[in-house]
Amino acid sequence: MTVHRLEPVPEAVTQFYSASAPAVVTVDPGDTLMVRTLDAHGYLERPESWDVDPPRMFTPSRGHCLAGPIEVRGAEPGQVLAVHIESMRPATWGWTTAGVADEDLSQALGVAAGPVEFLSWDLDPVSLTGRANGFTVPLTPFLGVIGMPPAEPGEHSTTPPRTLGGGNLDCRELVAGSTLYLPVTVPGAALCLGDGHAAQGDGEVSGTAIECGMTSTVTLSLVDDPPLSTIHAVTPAGRVTFGFSAELNEAMTAALNAMVTWMTTIYGTNRARALALASVSVSLRITQVANKTWGVHALLPSQALRRAETT
């Protein structure tokens, strides 16, 4: 096993997905990456207010500031890339905003007209606490973006989550100790990751979490026979499946359909029984309401269902 290190320098970052972009590093399955990323905006200095825009990695900025693309030797469409998340360490500062975007949710909540609220957080990566404006929150760090480009040519936005390659998942369950399984979309995988979140509630309701830099350790492997052909994860909280759509019902149905399929395999039962078992054990959670795409994840907690022991 080889350990590769990536730093947020211009030659090792991107702000879009592209199948044709040259890889910043090539790794073998089983290799580990230690990756330091900037916050989503790619700030090179700490922002103190919304009115003062510090220097950024990219000018103009048109996407998340991500590490990558990372090539995985031998990765081909039809396989699944397993991203084993070993550790996450947030930087010492972060930020959260509300009322930035004039969109339906902000209008409904009465914050679209401004002023923009800006919280500047002091983060303690040892005690895992964050403090801003007299408030303290526990930190549960994770990466908002882990994904691969669409197969279509050209440059693609980092903003939406995608059913196959992943991307801007914003799922708070993907903490250290999780493994995220992503269907490979392009030869070599071209994995990109970043968008550190020190803390976030389900939904990311203001459109931002505690946005921060992050040092992440991940190990990559390839899976030829996964239980599902769509994105899924095994996390400390349990098994997770995902659905993404402009329509909430469609996102919910996709996440639940994948979980029911997975449960038929786990428990060796038909779909109707799996759905009945899901109704008493699986929680449907709104992953995100930002990014112009609804995200829903289904969570089957690790000890929610146990078969009776036989003698």
Protein backbone atom coordinates (compact mmCIF):
# COMPACT_ATOMS: atom_id res chain seq x y z
CA MET A 1 0.00 0.00 0.00
CA THR A 2 1.24 3.48 -0.91
CA VAL A 3 0.27 6.70 0.89
CA HIS A 4 -0.17 9.74 -1.37
CA ARG A 5 -0.39 13.32 -0.10
CA LEU A 6 -2.26 16.14 -1.78
CA GLU A 7 -2.07 19.79 -0.78
CA PRO A 8 -4.36 22.60 -2.01
CA VAL A 9 -1.96 24.04 -4.56
CA PRO A 10 -3.07 25.28 -8.01
CA GLU A 11 -1.80 22.18 -9.85
CA ALA A 12 -3.74 19.79 -7.58
CA VAL A 13 -7.22 21.34 -7.46
CA THR A 14 -10.22 21.81 -9.71
CA GLN A 15 -13.57 23.61 -9.67
CA PHE A 16 -15.40 21.44 -12.22
CA TYR A 17 -15.75 17.80 -13.26
CA SER A 18 -14.32 16.64 -16.56
CA ALA A 19 -13.57 13.15 -17.85
CA SER A 20 -10.76 14.58 -19.98
CA ALA A 21 -9.01 16.66 -17.31
CA PRO A 22 -5.51 15.35 -16.53
CA ALA A 23 -5.13 13.50 -13.25
CA VAL A 24 -3.20 15.25 -10.47
CA VAL A 25 -2.18 11.87 -9.05
CA THR A 26 -2.59 8.23 -10.06
CA VAL A 27 -3.12 5.60 -7.38
CA ASP A 28 -3.55 1.84 -7.24
CA PRO A 29 -6.56 0.18 -5.61
CA GLY A 30 -5.72 -0.20 -1.94
CA ASP A 31 -3.67 3.00 -1.80
CA THR A 32 -4.35 5.68 0.80
CA LEU A 33 -4.61 9.42 0.24
CA MET A 34 -4.01 12.14 2.80
CA VAL A 35 -5.75 15.16 1.31
CA ARG A 36 -5.87 18.72 2.62
CA THR A 37 -8.61 20.79 1.03
CA LEU A 38 -9.70 24.40 1.35
CA ASP A 39 -13.26 25.41 2.11
CA ALA A 40 -15.84 25.23 -0.69
CA HIS A 41 -15.08 28.78 -1.87
CA GLY A 42 -11.34 28.14 -1.90
CA TYR A 43 -10.55 31.02 0.44
CA LEU A 44 -6.81 31.54 0.93
CA GLU A 45 -7.43 33.71 4.00
CA ARG A 46 -10.10 33.64 6.68
CA PRO A 47 -13.18 35.70 5.75
CA GLU A 48 -14.26 38.00 8.56
CA SER A 49 -17.53 39.18 7.03
CA TRP A 50 -19.67 38.65 3.94
CA ASP A 51 -18.81 42.14 2.70
CA VAL A 52 -15.07 41.44 2.50
CA ASP A 53 -14.08 38.76 -0.02
CA PRO A 54 -10.58 37.39 0.69
CA PRO A 55 -8.35 36.02 -2.08
CA ARG A 56 -9.51 32.70 -3.51
CA MET A 57 -7.83 29.79 -5.23
CA PHE A 58 -9.92 30.48 -8.36
CA THR A 59 -10.87 33.87 -9.77
CA PRO A 60 -13.55 33.91 -10.97
CA SER A 61 -14.93 31.13 -8.79
CA ARG A 62 -17.55 28.94 -10.46
CA GLY A 63 -17.61 25.76 -8.40
CA HIS A 64 -16.40 24.02 -5.26
CA CYS A 65 -12.65 24.07 -4.71
CA LEU A 66 -11.86 20.34 -4.86
CA ALA A 67 -8.81 18.10 -4.79
CA GLY A 68 -8.43 16.13 -8.00
CA PRO A 69 -9.03 14.58 -10.34
CA ILE A 70 -7.53 11.42 -8.83
CA GLU A 71 -7.03 8.50 -11.22
CA VAL A 72 -7.50 4.96 -9.90
CA ARG A 73 -5.67 2.40 -12.05
CA GLY A 74 -7.97 -0.22 -13.50
CA ALA A 75 -11.21 1.56 -12.65
CA GLU A 76 -13.80 1.08 -15.38
CA PRO A 77 -17.52 1.78 -15.74
CA GLY A 78 -19.42 -1.22 -14.40
CA GLN A 79 -17.26 -1.34 -11.28
CA VAL A 80 -17.85 0.48 -8.01
CA LEU A 81 -15.26 2.67 -6.30
CA ALA A 82 -15.21 2.20 -2.54
CA VAL A 83 -14.04 5.30 -0.67
CA HIS A 84 -13.06 4.22 2.84
CA ILE A 85 -13.04 7.34 5.02
CA GLU A 86 -10.39 6.81 7.66
CA SER A 87 -10.23 10.21 9.37
CA MET A 88 -11.38 13.83 9.10
CA ARG A 89 -9.75 16.82 10.79
CA PRO A 90 -11.32 20.25 10.29
CA ALA A 91 -9.29 23.44 10.04
CA THR A 92 -9.40 26.02 12.83
CA TRP A 93 -11.98 28.32 11.23
CA GLY A 94 -15.14 28.10 9.19
CA TRP A 95 -18.19 30.07 8.14
CA THR A 96 -21.94 29.81 7.62
CA THR A 97 -24.29 32.13 5.72
CA ALA A 98 -28.03 32.57 5.34
CA GLY A 99 -30.07 34.76 3.04
CA VAL A 100 -27.53 34.80 0.20
CA ALA A 101 -29.63 33.25 -2.55
CA ASP A 102 -32.94 34.75 -3.64
CA GLU A 103 -34.79 31.47 -4.21
CA ASP A 104 -38.07 29.82 -3.25
CA LEU A 105 -37.03 28.54 0.17
CA SER A 106 -35.38 31.81 1.23
CA GLN A 107 -38.45 33.72 0.08
CA ALA A 108 -40.77 31.39 2.01
CA LEU A 109 -38.67 31.83 5.15
CA GLY A 110 -38.57 35.61 4.77
CA VAL A 111 -34.79 35.98 4.43
CA ALA A 112 -34.41 36.54 0.68
CA ALA A 113 -34.47 40.32 0.98
CA GLY A 114 -31.41 40.35 3.24
CA PRO A 115 -29.35 41.29 5.05
CA VAL A 116 -27.02 38.33 4.66
CA GLU A 117 -26.23 36.61 7.96
CA PHE A 118 -22.58 35.58 8.28
CA LEU A 119 -21.26 33.43 11.13
CA SER A 120 -17.49 33.20 11.57
CA TRP A 121 -16.65 30.05 13.52
CA ASP A 122 -13.61 29.26 15.67
CA LEU A 123 -13.08 25.51 15.35
CA ASP A 124 -11.22 23.26 17.77
CA PRO A 125 -10.23 20.08 15.91
CA VAL A 126 -9.15 18.39 19.16
CA SER A 127 -12.24 18.92 21.32
CA LEU A 128 -14.44 18.98 18.19
CA THR A 129 -16.33 22.11 19.15
CA GLY A 130 -17.16 25.24 17.20
CA ARG A 131 -17.92 28.70 18.59
CA ALA A 132 -19.49 31.76 16.96
CA ASN A 133 -21.54 34.73 18.20
CA GLY A 134 -21.83 33.26 21.71
CA PHE A 135 -23.01 29.84 20.49
CA THR A 136 -21.19 26.50 20.75
CA VAL A 137 -21.88 23.42 18.60
CA PRO A 138 -20.32 19.94 18.55
CA LEU A 139 -18.42 19.15 15.36
CA THR A 140 -19.08 16.04 13.27
CA PRO A 141 -16.79 16.65 10.28
CA PHE A 142 -17.35 15.18 6.83
CA LEU A 143 -16.81 16.04 3.17
CA GLY A 144 -19.77 17.48 1.30
CA VAL A 145 -18.38 16.52 -2.12
CA ILE A 146 -17.02 13.11 -3.11
CA GLY A 147 -17.62 12.20 -6.73
CA MET A 148 -16.70 11.52 -10.32
CA PRO A 149 -17.54 13.31 -13.57
CA PRO A 150 -20.41 12.42 -15.87
CA ALA A 151 -19.34 10.39 -18.90
CA GLU A 152 -20.45 13.14 -21.29
CA PRO A 153 -17.66 15.36 -22.71
CA GLY A 154 -17.05 18.83 -21.37
CA GLU A 155 -16.86 20.56 -18.03
CA HIS A 156 -19.62 19.82 -15.53
CA SER A 157 -20.78 21.73 -12.48
CA THR A 158 -19.80 20.56 -9.00
CA THR A 159 -23.08 21.86 -7.55
CA PRO A 160 -25.63 19.04 -8.05
CA PRO A 161 -25.44 15.56 -6.57
CA ARG A 162 -25.64 12.85 -9.23
CA THR A 163 -27.23 9.42 -9.01
CA LEU A 164 -24.23 7.58 -10.47
CA GLY A 165 -20.97 9.44 -9.88
CA GLY A 166 -21.94 11.12 -6.63
CA GLY A 167 -20.63 14.63 -6.09
CA ASN A 168 -22.23 17.20 -3.82
CA LEU A 169 -23.95 14.65 -1.57
CA ASP A 170 -23.92 16.79 1.61
CA CYS A 171 -24.78 13.74 3.72
CA ARG A 172 -23.88 14.20 7.38
CA GLU A 173 -23.68 10.43 7.92
CA LEU A 174 -20.43 10.18 5.89
CA VAL A 175 -18.14 10.71 8.87
CA ALA A 176 -14.88 8.91 9.63
CA GLY A 177 -15.42 5.17 9.69
CA SER A 178 -17.76 5.25 6.69
CA THR A 179 -17.34 3.62 3.30
CA LEU A 180 -19.04 5.29 0.35
CA TYR A 181 -19.66 3.15 -2.74
CA LEU A 182 -19.78 5.08 -6.03
CA PRO A 183 -20.52 3.50 -9.43
CA VAL A 184 -17.56 4.33 -11.69
CA THR A 185 -18.64 6.67 -14.48
CA VAL A 186 -15.44 7.07 -16.52
CA PRO A 187 -12.22 5.06 -17.03
CA GLY A 188 -9.82 5.82 -14.21
CA ALA A 189 -12.64 7.18 -12.00
CA ALA A 190 -11.30 10.81 -11.96
CA LEU A 191 -12.36 11.18 -8.34
CA CYS A 192 -12.64 14.68 -6.86
CA LEU A 193 -13.30 15.50 -3.23
CA GLY A 194 -13.56 18.44 -0.85
CA ASP A 195 -16.14 20.88 0.55
CA GLY A 196 -15.34 20.25 4.21
CA HIS A 197 -18.24 20.58 6.63
CA ALA A 198 -17.37 20.82 10.32
CA ALA A 199 -21.03 20.49 11.30
CA GLN A 200 -24.34 20.30 9.45
CA GLY A 201 -27.91 19.34 10.17
CA ASP A 202 -29.92 17.13 7.84
CA GLY A 203 -31.04 19.36 4.97
CA GLU A 204 -28.28 22.00 5.08
CA VAL A 205 -31.23 24.36 5.29
CA SER A 206 -29.49 27.72 4.79
CA GLY A 207 -27.49 26.38 1.85
CA THR A 208 -24.25 26.24 3.85
CA ALA A 209 -22.93 24.14 6.72
CA ILE A 210 -19.90 25.19 8.76
CA GLU A 211 -17.81 25.49 5.62
CA CYS A 212 -14.16 24.78 6.40
CA GLY A 213 -10.89 23.38 5.24
CA MET A 214 -10.38 19.69 5.97
CA THR A 215 -7.58 17.17 6.19
CA SER A 216 -8.96 13.79 5.13
CA THR A 217 -7.46 10.32 4.99
CA VAL A 218 -9.19 7.95 2.57
CA THR A 219 -8.36 4.54 1.13
CA LEU A 220 -9.67 3.63 -2.32
CA SER A 221 -10.59 0.17 -3.60
CA LEU A 222 -12.60 -1.34 -6.45
CA VAL A 223 -15.64 -3.58 -6.04
CA ASP A 224 -16.77 -5.86 -8.86
CA ASP A 225 -19.95 -7.30 -7.30
CA PRO A 226 -21.65 -4.64 -5.13
CA PRO A 227 -25.07 -5.21 -3.54
CA LEU A 228 -26.46 -2.17 -5.39
CA SER A 229 -25.77 -0.50 -8.73
CA THR A 230 -26.44 2.96 -7.25
CA ILE A 231 -24.67 5.06 -4.62
CA HIS A 232 -24.76 3.55 -1.14
CA ALA A 233 -22.74 3.64 2.04
CA VAL A 234 -21.96 1.79 5.23
CA THR A 235 -21.52 4.28 8.05
CA PRO A 236 -21.14 4.19 11.85
CA ALA A 237 -24.85 4.98 12.02
CA GLY A 238 -25.84 2.16 9.65
CA ARG A 239 -26.46 1.44 5.99
CA VAL A 240 -27.41 4.39 3.79
CA THR A 241 -28.98 4.69 0.33
CA PHE A 242 -29.58 7.88 -1.65
CA GLY A 243 -32.07 9.54 -3.95
CA PHE A 244 -31.70 12.85 -5.83
CA SER A 245 -34.27 14.70 -7.91
CA ALA A 246 -35.85 18.07 -8.52
CA GLU A 247 -38.99 16.42 -7.11
CA LEU A 248 -38.94 15.40 -3.43
CA ASN A 249 -41.20 12.37 -3.97
CA GLU A 250 -38.90 11.05 -6.68
CA ALA A 251 -35.83 11.49 -4.49
CA MET A 252 -37.57 9.72 -1.60
CA THR A 253 -38.74 6.84 -3.79
CA ALA A 254 -35.25 6.32 -5.23
CA ALA A 255 -33.64 6.20 -1.78
CA LEU A 256 -36.29 3.83 -0.42
CA ASN A 257 -36.26 1.61 -3.51
CA ALA A 258 -32.50 1.13 -3.17
CA MET A 259 -32.80 0.34 0.54
CA VAL A 260 -35.58 -2.21 -0.02
CA THR A 261 -33.46 -3.86 -2.72
CA TRP A 262 -30.50 -3.99 -0.34
CA MET A 263 -32.65 -5.48 2.43
CA THR A 264 -33.87 -8.30 0.18
CA THR A 265 -30.22 -9.30 -0.22
CA ILE A 266 -29.26 -8.85 3.43
CA TYR A 267 -32.22 -10.74 4.86
CA GLY A 268 -33.02 -13.12 2.00
CA THR A 269 -36.63 -12.00 1.69
CA ASN A 270 -39.03 -10.72 -0.95
CA ARG A 271 -39.64 -7.04 -1.60
CA ALA A 272 -42.98 -6.85 0.21
CA ARG A 273 -41.51 -8.27 3.40
CA ALA A 274 -38.43 -6.06 3.04
CA LEU A 275 -40.71 -3.02 2.75
CA ALA A 276 -42.67 -4.09 5.82
CA LEU A 277 -39.40 -4.48 7.75
CA ALA A 278 -38.23 -1.10 6.43
CA SER A 279 -41.40 0.52 7.73
CA VAL A 280 -40.41 -0.32 11.31
CA SER A 281 -36.64 0.15 11.06
CA VAL A 282 -35.62 2.55 8.27
CA SER A 283 -35.63 6.33 8.62
CA LEU A 284 -36.02 8.62 5.61
CA ARG A 285 -34.07 11.83 6.03
CA ILE A 286 -33.87 14.94 3.89
CA THR A 287 -30.18 15.11 3.03
CA GLN A 288 -30.23 18.53 1.43
CA VAL A 289 -32.64 21.19 0.22
CA ALA A 290 -29.91 23.30 -1.39
CA ASN A 291 -28.26 22.95 -4.80
CA LYS A 292 -31.60 23.05 -6.69
CA THR A 293 -31.89 19.29 -6.17
CA TRP A 294 -33.67 17.49 -3.37
CA GLY A 295 -31.58 14.85 -1.63
CA VAL A 296 -33.08 12.10 0.51
CA HIS A 297 -31.22 9.30 2.24
CA ALA A 298 -32.62 6.16 3.80
CA LEU A 299 -30.88 4.96 6.96
CA LEU A 300 -31.04 1.41 8.31
CA PRO A 301 -29.36 1.59 11.74
CA SER A 302 -26.75 -1.07 12.43
CA GLN A 303 -28.72 -2.87 15.16
CA ALA A 304 -32.24 -2.09 13.97
CA LEU A 305 -33.01 -5.60 12.71
CA ARG A 306 -31.66 -8.86 14.10
CA ARG A 307 -32.68 -12.38 13.25
CA ALA A 308 -33.84 -14.50 16.17
CA GLU A 309 -31.21 -17.02 17.27
CA THR A 310 -32.13 -20.64 16.66
CA THR A 311 -31.02 -23.65 18.68
